[in-house]
Structures are given as structure tokens and as C-alpha cells.
All heavy atoms as atom14 arrays in JSON, in Angstrom:
{
  "sequence": "ENSLLSDIFRAQLAKMDYNNKNEAQPDIGY",
  "atom14_mask": [
    [1, 1, 1, 1, 1, 1, 1, 1, 1, 0, 0, 0, 0, 0],
    [1, 1, 1, 1, 1, 1, 1, 1, 0, 0, 0, 0, 0, 0],
    [1, 1, 1, 1, 1, 1, 0, 0, 0, 0, 0, 0, 0, 0],
    [1, 1, 1, 1, 1, 1, 1, 1, 0, 0, 0, 0, 0, 0],
    [1, 1, 1, 1, 1, 1, 1, 1, 0, 0, 0, 0, 0, 0],
    [1, 1, 1, 1, 1, 1, 0, 0, 0, 0, 0, 0, 0, 0],
    [1, 1, 1, 1, 1, 1, 1, 1, 0, 0, 0, 0, 0, 0],
    [1, 1, 1, 1, 1, 1, 1, 1, 0, 0, 0, 0, 0, 0],
    [1, 1, 1, 1, 1, 1, 1, 1, 1, 1, 1, 0, 0, 0],
    [1, 1, 1, 1, 1, 1, 1, 1, 1, 1, 1, 0, 0, 0],
    [1, 1, 1, 1, 1, 0, 0, 0, 0, 0, 0, 0, 0, 0],
    [1, 1, 1, 1, 1, 1, 1, 1, 1, 0, 0, 0, 0, 0],
    [1, 1, 1, 1, 1, 1, 1, 1, 0, 0, 0, 0, 0, 0],
    [1, 1, 1, 1, 1, 0, 0, 0, 0, 0, 0, 0, 0, 0],
    [1, 1, 1, 1, 1, 1, 1, 1, 1, 0, 0, 0, 0, 0],
    [1, 1, 1, 1, 1, 1, 1, 1, 0, 0, 0, 0, 0, 0],
    [1, 1, 1, 1, 1, 1, 1, 1, 0, 0, 0, 0, 0, 0],
    [1, 1, 1, 1, 1, 1, 1, 1, 1, 1, 1, 1, 0, 0],
    [1, 1, 1, 1, 1, 1, 1, 1, 0, 0, 0, 0, 0, 0],
    [1, 1, 1, 1, 1, 1, 1, 1, 0, 0, 0, 0, 0, 0],
    [1, 1, 1, 1, 1, 1, 1, 1, 1, 0, 0, 0, 0, 0],
    [1, 1, 1, 1, 1, 1, 1, 1, 0, 0, 0, 0, 0, 0],
    [1, 1, 1, 1, 1, 1, 1, 1, 1, 0, 0, 0, 0, 0],
    [1, 1, 1, 1, 1, 0, 0, 0, 0, 0, 0, 0, 0, 0],
    [1, 1, 1, 1, 1, 1, 1, 1, 1, 0, 0, 0, 0, 0],
    [1, 1, 1, 1, 1, 1, 1, 0, 0, 0, 0, 0, 0, 0],
    [1, 1, 1, 1, 1, 1, 1, 1, 0, 0, 0, 0, 0, 0],
    [1, 1, 1, 1, 1, 1, 1, 1, 0, 0, 0, 0, 0, 0],
    [1, 1, 1, 1, 0, 0, 0, 0, 0, 0, 0, 0, 0, 0],
    [1, 1, 1, 1, 1, 1, 1, 1, 1, 1, 1, 1, 0, 0]
  ],
  "atom14_positions": [
    [[69.46, 48.1, 109.45], [70.6, 47.82, 110.32], [71.88, 47.78, 109.5], [71.93, 47.24, 108.41], [70.39, 46.48, 111.02], [69.21, 46.49, 112.0], [69.09, 45.17, 112.74], [69.96, 44.3, 112.54], [68.15, 45.02, 113.53], [0.0, 0.0, 0.0], [0.0, 0.0, 0.0], [0.0, 0.0, 0.0], [0.0, 0.0, 0.0], [0.0, 0.0, 0.0]],
    [[72.95, 48.34, 110.09], [74.24, 48.32, 109.42], [74.94, 47.0, 109.67], [74.77, 46.37, 110.72], [75.12, 49.47, 109.93], [74.59, 50.82, 109.51], [74.02, 50.95, 108.44], [74.75, 51.82, 110.37], [0.0, 0.0, 0.0], [0.0, 0.0, 0.0], [0.0, 0.0, 0.0], [0.0, 0.0, 0.0], [0.0, 0.0, 0.0], [0.0, 0.0, 0.0]],
    [[75.72, 46.58, 108.7], [76.51, 45.36, 108.85], [77.81, 45.71, 109.54], [78.55, 46.6, 109.11], [76.79, 44.74, 107.48], [77.78, 43.76, 107.58], [0.0, 0.0, 0.0], [0.0, 0.0, 0.0], [0.0, 0.0, 0.0], [0.0, 0.0, 0.0], [0.0, 0.0, 0.0], [0.0, 0.0, 0.0], [0.0, 0.0, 0.0], [0.0, 0.0, 0.0]],
    [[78.11, 45.02, 110.65], [79.35, 45.27, 111.38], [80.56, 45.06, 110.5], [81.49, 45.87, 110.48], [79.41, 44.36, 112.62], [80.7, 44.46, 113.45], [80.87, 45.87, 114.0], [80.65, 43.45, 114.6], [0.0, 0.0, 0.0], [0.0, 0.0, 0.0], [0.0, 0.0, 0.0], [0.0, 0.0, 0.0], [0.0, 0.0, 0.0], [0.0, 0.0, 0.0]],
    [[80.56, 43.96, 109.74], [81.71, 43.64, 108.9], [81.93, 44.72, 107.83], [83.06, 45.15, 107.61], [81.51, 42.28, 108.23], [82.66, 41.79, 107.34], [83.95, 41.67, 108.14], [82.3, 40.46, 106.69], [0.0, 0.0, 0.0], [0.0, 0.0, 0.0], [0.0, 0.0, 0.0], [0.0, 0.0, 0.0], [0.0, 0.0, 0.0], [0.0, 0.0, 0.0]],
    [[80.85, 45.16, 107.18], [81.0, 46.17, 106.13], [81.46, 47.5, 106.71], [82.24, 48.23, 106.09], [79.7, 46.35, 105.36], [78.68, 46.88, 106.17], [0.0, 0.0, 0.0], [0.0, 0.0, 0.0], [0.0, 0.0, 0.0], [0.0, 0.0, 0.0], [0.0, 0.0, 0.0], [0.0, 0.0, 0.0], [0.0, 0.0, 0.0], [0.0, 0.0, 0.0]],
    [[81.0, 47.85, 107.92], [81.44, 49.1, 108.55], [82.93, 49.06, 108.84], [83.66, 50.03, 108.59], [80.67, 49.33, 109.86], [79.23, 49.77, 109.61], [78.93, 50.11, 108.45], [78.45, 49.76, 110.56], [0.0, 0.0, 0.0], [0.0, 0.0, 0.0], [0.0, 0.0, 0.0], [0.0, 0.0, 0.0], [0.0, 0.0, 0.0], [0.0, 0.0, 0.0]],
    [[83.41, 47.94, 109.39], [84.85, 47.79, 109.68], [85.65, 47.83, 108.39], [86.69, 48.49, 108.29], [85.11, 46.48, 110.45], [84.4, 46.52, 111.82], [86.61, 46.25, 110.63], [84.46, 45.21, 112.57], [0.0, 0.0, 0.0], [0.0, 0.0, 0.0], [0.0, 0.0, 0.0], [0.0, 0.0, 0.0], [0.0, 0.0, 0.0], [0.0, 0.0, 0.0]],
    [[85.15, 47.11, 107.37], [85.86, 47.03, 106.09], [85.98, 48.42, 105.44], [87.05, 48.81, 104.98], [85.09, 46.07, 105.17], [85.73, 45.87, 103.82], [86.96, 45.27, 103.7], [85.08, 46.29, 102.67], [87.54, 45.08, 102.45], [85.65, 46.12, 101.43], [86.89, 45.5, 101.33], [0.0, 0.0, 0.0], [0.0, 0.0, 0.0], [0.0, 0.0, 0.0]],
    [[84.88, 49.18, 105.43], [84.9, 50.5, 104.8], [85.79, 51.48, 105.58], [86.39, 52.37, 104.98], [83.49, 51.03, 104.66], [82.72, 50.35, 103.53], [81.27, 50.69, 103.5], [80.63, 50.11, 102.32], [79.39, 49.66, 102.28], [78.65, 49.71, 103.38], [78.88, 49.16, 101.18], [0.0, 0.0, 0.0], [0.0, 0.0, 0.0], [0.0, 0.0, 0.0]],
    [[85.84, 51.32, 106.88], [86.73, 52.18, 107.68], [88.19, 51.94, 107.3], [89.0, 52.87, 107.25], [86.52, 51.91, 109.16], [0.0, 0.0, 0.0], [0.0, 0.0, 0.0], [0.0, 0.0, 0.0], [0.0, 0.0, 0.0], [0.0, 0.0, 0.0], [0.0, 0.0, 0.0], [0.0, 0.0, 0.0], [0.0, 0.0, 0.0], [0.0, 0.0, 0.0]],
    [[88.52, 50.68, 107.03], [89.89, 50.36, 106.59], [90.14, 50.87, 105.18], [91.23, 51.37, 104.88], [90.12, 48.84, 106.66], [90.1, 48.26, 108.06], [91.22, 48.82, 108.92], [92.36, 48.95, 108.47], [90.89, 49.19, 110.15], [0.0, 0.0, 0.0], [0.0, 0.0, 0.0], [0.0, 0.0, 0.0], [0.0, 0.0, 0.0], [0.0, 0.0, 0.0]],
    [[89.14, 50.74, 104.3], [89.3, 51.2, 102.92], [89.56, 52.7, 102.85], [90.3, 53.18, 101.98], [88.05, 50.87, 102.11], [87.81, 49.41, 101.75], [86.52, 49.27, 100.94], [88.97, 48.81, 100.98], [0.0, 0.0, 0.0], [0.0, 0.0, 0.0], [0.0, 0.0, 0.0], [0.0, 0.0, 0.0], [0.0, 0.0, 0.0], [0.0, 0.0, 0.0]],
    [[88.94, 53.45, 103.75], [89.09, 54.9, 103.73], [90.54, 55.33, 103.9], [90.91, 56.44, 103.52], [88.23, 55.52, 104.82], [0.0, 0.0, 0.0], [0.0, 0.0, 0.0], [0.0, 0.0, 0.0], [0.0, 0.0, 0.0], [0.0, 0.0, 0.0], [0.0, 0.0, 0.0], [0.0, 0.0, 0.0], [0.0, 0.0, 0.0], [0.0, 0.0, 0.0]],
    [[91.37, 54.45, 104.46], [92.78, 54.78, 104.68], [93.65, 54.41, 103.48], [94.84, 54.72, 103.46], [93.29, 54.02, 105.91], [92.5, 54.3, 107.19], [92.98, 53.42, 108.32], [92.12, 53.62, 109.57], [92.55, 52.72, 110.67], [0.0, 0.0, 0.0], [0.0, 0.0, 0.0], [0.0, 0.0, 0.0], [0.0, 0.0, 0.0], [0.0, 0.0, 0.0]],
    [[93.05, 53.74, 102.49], [93.83, 53.23, 101.35], [93.79, 54.21, 100.18], [93.2, 55.28, 100.25], [93.29, 51.87, 100.94], [93.41, 50.8, 101.99], [92.82, 49.19, 101.4], [93.09, 48.18, 102.86], [0.0, 0.0, 0.0], [0.0, 0.0, 0.0], [0.0, 0.0, 0.0], [0.0, 0.0, 0.0], [0.0, 0.0, 0.0], [0.0, 0.0, 0.0]],
    [[94.46, 53.82, 99.06], [94.52, 54.69, 97.89], [93.18, 54.66, 97.14], [92.25, 53.95, 97.5], [95.67, 54.3, 96.96], [95.54, 52.88, 96.39], [94.39, 52.37, 96.35], [96.55, 52.3, 96.0], [0.0, 0.0, 0.0], [0.0, 0.0, 0.0], [0.0, 0.0, 0.0], [0.0, 0.0, 0.0], [0.0, 0.0, 0.0], [0.0, 0.0, 0.0]],
    [[93.09, 55.46, 96.09], [91.83, 55.66, 95.37], [91.23, 54.35, 94.88], [90.04, 54.09, 95.05], [92.06, 56.6, 94.18], [90.85, 56.78, 93.3], [89.81, 57.62, 93.68], [90.75, 56.09, 92.1], [88.69, 57.78, 92.88], [89.63, 56.24, 91.29], [88.61, 57.08, 91.69], [87.51, 57.23, 90.9], [0.0, 0.0, 0.0], [0.0, 0.0, 0.0]],
    [[92.04, 53.48, 94.27], [91.51, 52.26, 93.67], [91.05, 51.26, 94.71], [90.1, 50.51, 94.49], [92.57, 51.62, 92.77], [92.77, 52.4, 91.49], [91.81, 52.8, 90.85], [94.01, 52.65, 91.12], [0.0, 0.0, 0.0], [0.0, 0.0, 0.0], [0.0, 0.0, 0.0], [0.0, 0.0, 0.0], [0.0, 0.0, 0.0], [0.0, 0.0, 0.0]],
    [[91.7, 51.24, 95.87], [91.29, 50.29, 96.9], [90.02, 50.71, 97.61], [89.21, 49.87, 97.99], [92.43, 50.13, 97.92], [93.4, 49.04, 97.53], [93.0, 47.93, 97.21], [94.68, 49.35, 97.54], [0.0, 0.0, 0.0], [0.0, 0.0, 0.0], [0.0, 0.0, 0.0], [0.0, 0.0, 0.0], [0.0, 0.0, 0.0], [0.0, 0.0, 0.0]],
    [[89.85, 52.01, 97.81], [88.69, 52.47, 98.58], [87.49, 52.8, 97.69], [86.42, 53.12, 98.19], [89.05, 53.68, 99.42], [89.32, 54.96, 98.64], [89.72, 56.09, 99.58], [89.97, 57.39, 98.83], [90.38, 58.48, 99.72], [0.0, 0.0, 0.0], [0.0, 0.0, 0.0], [0.0, 0.0, 0.0], [0.0, 0.0, 0.0], [0.0, 0.0, 0.0]],
    [[87.66, 52.7, 96.39], [86.61, 53.11, 95.46], [85.61, 51.98, 95.25], [85.89, 51.0, 94.57], [87.24, 53.52, 94.13], [86.23, 54.18, 93.22], [85.29, 54.81, 93.68], [86.44, 54.04, 91.92], [0.0, 0.0, 0.0], [0.0, 0.0, 0.0], [0.0, 0.0, 0.0], [0.0, 0.0, 0.0], [0.0, 0.0, 0.0], [0.0, 0.0, 0.0]],
    [[84.43, 52.1, 95.85], [83.39, 51.09, 95.64], [82.63, 51.36, 94.35], [82.61, 52.49, 93.85], [82.41, 51.1, 96.81], [82.98, 50.56, 98.11], [81.9, 50.33, 99.15], [80.93, 49.6, 98.86], [82.03, 50.88, 100.25], [0.0, 0.0, 0.0], [0.0, 0.0, 0.0], [0.0, 0.0, 0.0], [0.0, 0.0, 0.0], [0.0, 0.0, 0.0]],
    [[82.0, 50.33, 93.83], [81.25, 50.46, 92.58], [80.1, 51.44, 92.75], [79.42, 51.47, 93.78], [80.72, 49.1, 92.15], [0.0, 0.0, 0.0], [0.0, 0.0, 0.0], [0.0, 0.0, 0.0], [0.0, 0.0, 0.0], [0.0, 0.0, 0.0], [0.0, 0.0, 0.0], [0.0, 0.0, 0.0], [0.0, 0.0, 0.0], [0.0, 0.0, 0.0]],
    [[79.9, 52.27, 91.73], [78.79, 53.21, 91.7], [77.93, 52.93, 90.48], [78.39, 52.3, 89.52], [79.31, 54.66, 91.64], [79.93, 55.16, 92.93], [80.2, 56.65, 92.86], [80.71, 57.16, 91.86], [79.86, 57.37, 93.91], [0.0, 0.0, 0.0], [0.0, 0.0, 0.0], [0.0, 0.0, 0.0], [0.0, 0.0, 0.0], [0.0, 0.0, 0.0]],
    [[76.69, 53.39, 90.48], [75.86, 53.22, 89.28], [76.52, 53.88, 88.07], [77.22, 54.89, 88.19], [74.56, 53.94, 89.66], [74.53, 53.94, 91.15], [75.96, 54.05, 91.57], [0.0, 0.0, 0.0], [0.0, 0.0, 0.0], [0.0, 0.0, 0.0], [0.0, 0.0, 0.0], [0.0, 0.0, 0.0], [0.0, 0.0, 0.0], [0.0, 0.0, 0.0]],
    [[76.28, 53.29, 86.9], [76.8, 53.87, 85.67], [76.13, 55.21, 85.39], [74.98, 55.45, 85.77], [76.54, 52.94, 84.48], [77.37, 51.67, 84.55], [78.38, 51.67, 85.27], [77.01, 50.69, 83.88], [0.0, 0.0, 0.0], [0.0, 0.0, 0.0], [0.0, 0.0, 0.0], [0.0, 0.0, 0.0], [0.0, 0.0, 0.0], [0.0, 0.0, 0.0]],
    [[76.87, 56.07, 84.71], [76.33, 57.34, 84.25], [76.45, 57.37, 82.73], [77.5, 57.06, 82.17], [77.09, 58.54, 84.87], [76.74, 58.67, 86.34], [76.77, 59.84, 84.13], [75.28, 59.03, 86.61], [0.0, 0.0, 0.0], [0.0, 0.0, 0.0], [0.0, 0.0, 0.0], [0.0, 0.0, 0.0], [0.0, 0.0, 0.0], [0.0, 0.0, 0.0]],
    [[75.36, 57.74, 82.06], [75.36, 57.81, 80.61], [75.72, 59.2, 80.11], [75.34, 60.2, 80.73], [0.0, 0.0, 0.0], [0.0, 0.0, 0.0], [0.0, 0.0, 0.0], [0.0, 0.0, 0.0], [0.0, 0.0, 0.0], [0.0, 0.0, 0.0], [0.0, 0.0, 0.0], [0.0, 0.0, 0.0], [0.0, 0.0, 0.0], [0.0, 0.0, 0.0]],
    [[76.42, 59.24, 78.99], [76.8, 60.51, 78.37], [76.12, 60.61, 77.0], [76.44, 59.83, 76.09], [78.32, 60.62, 78.23], [79.02, 60.63, 79.57], [79.69, 59.5, 80.04], [78.98, 61.75, 80.39], [80.31, 59.5, 81.27], [79.59, 61.77, 81.62], [80.27, 60.64, 82.07], [80.88, 60.64, 83.3], [0.0, 0.0, 0.0], [0.0, 0.0, 0.0]]
  ]
}
């Protein structure tokens, strides 16, 4: 099940700049 709060929050983030809408991702090793 999706969280209502997280869905609303992410919809708002999508309208913001790169740093605001950028959620944490797994690290990548080089």
C-alpha cells in the first residue's frame, strides 16, 4: 500500500529544484 502523505509530498517535490526533489539513492562504488 502507498502512503498518502508520501505521495502528496513527492508530488510537491517534483515541482521543486534538483536539491529539493532529490531523494536519497543507494551508493554506487567506483
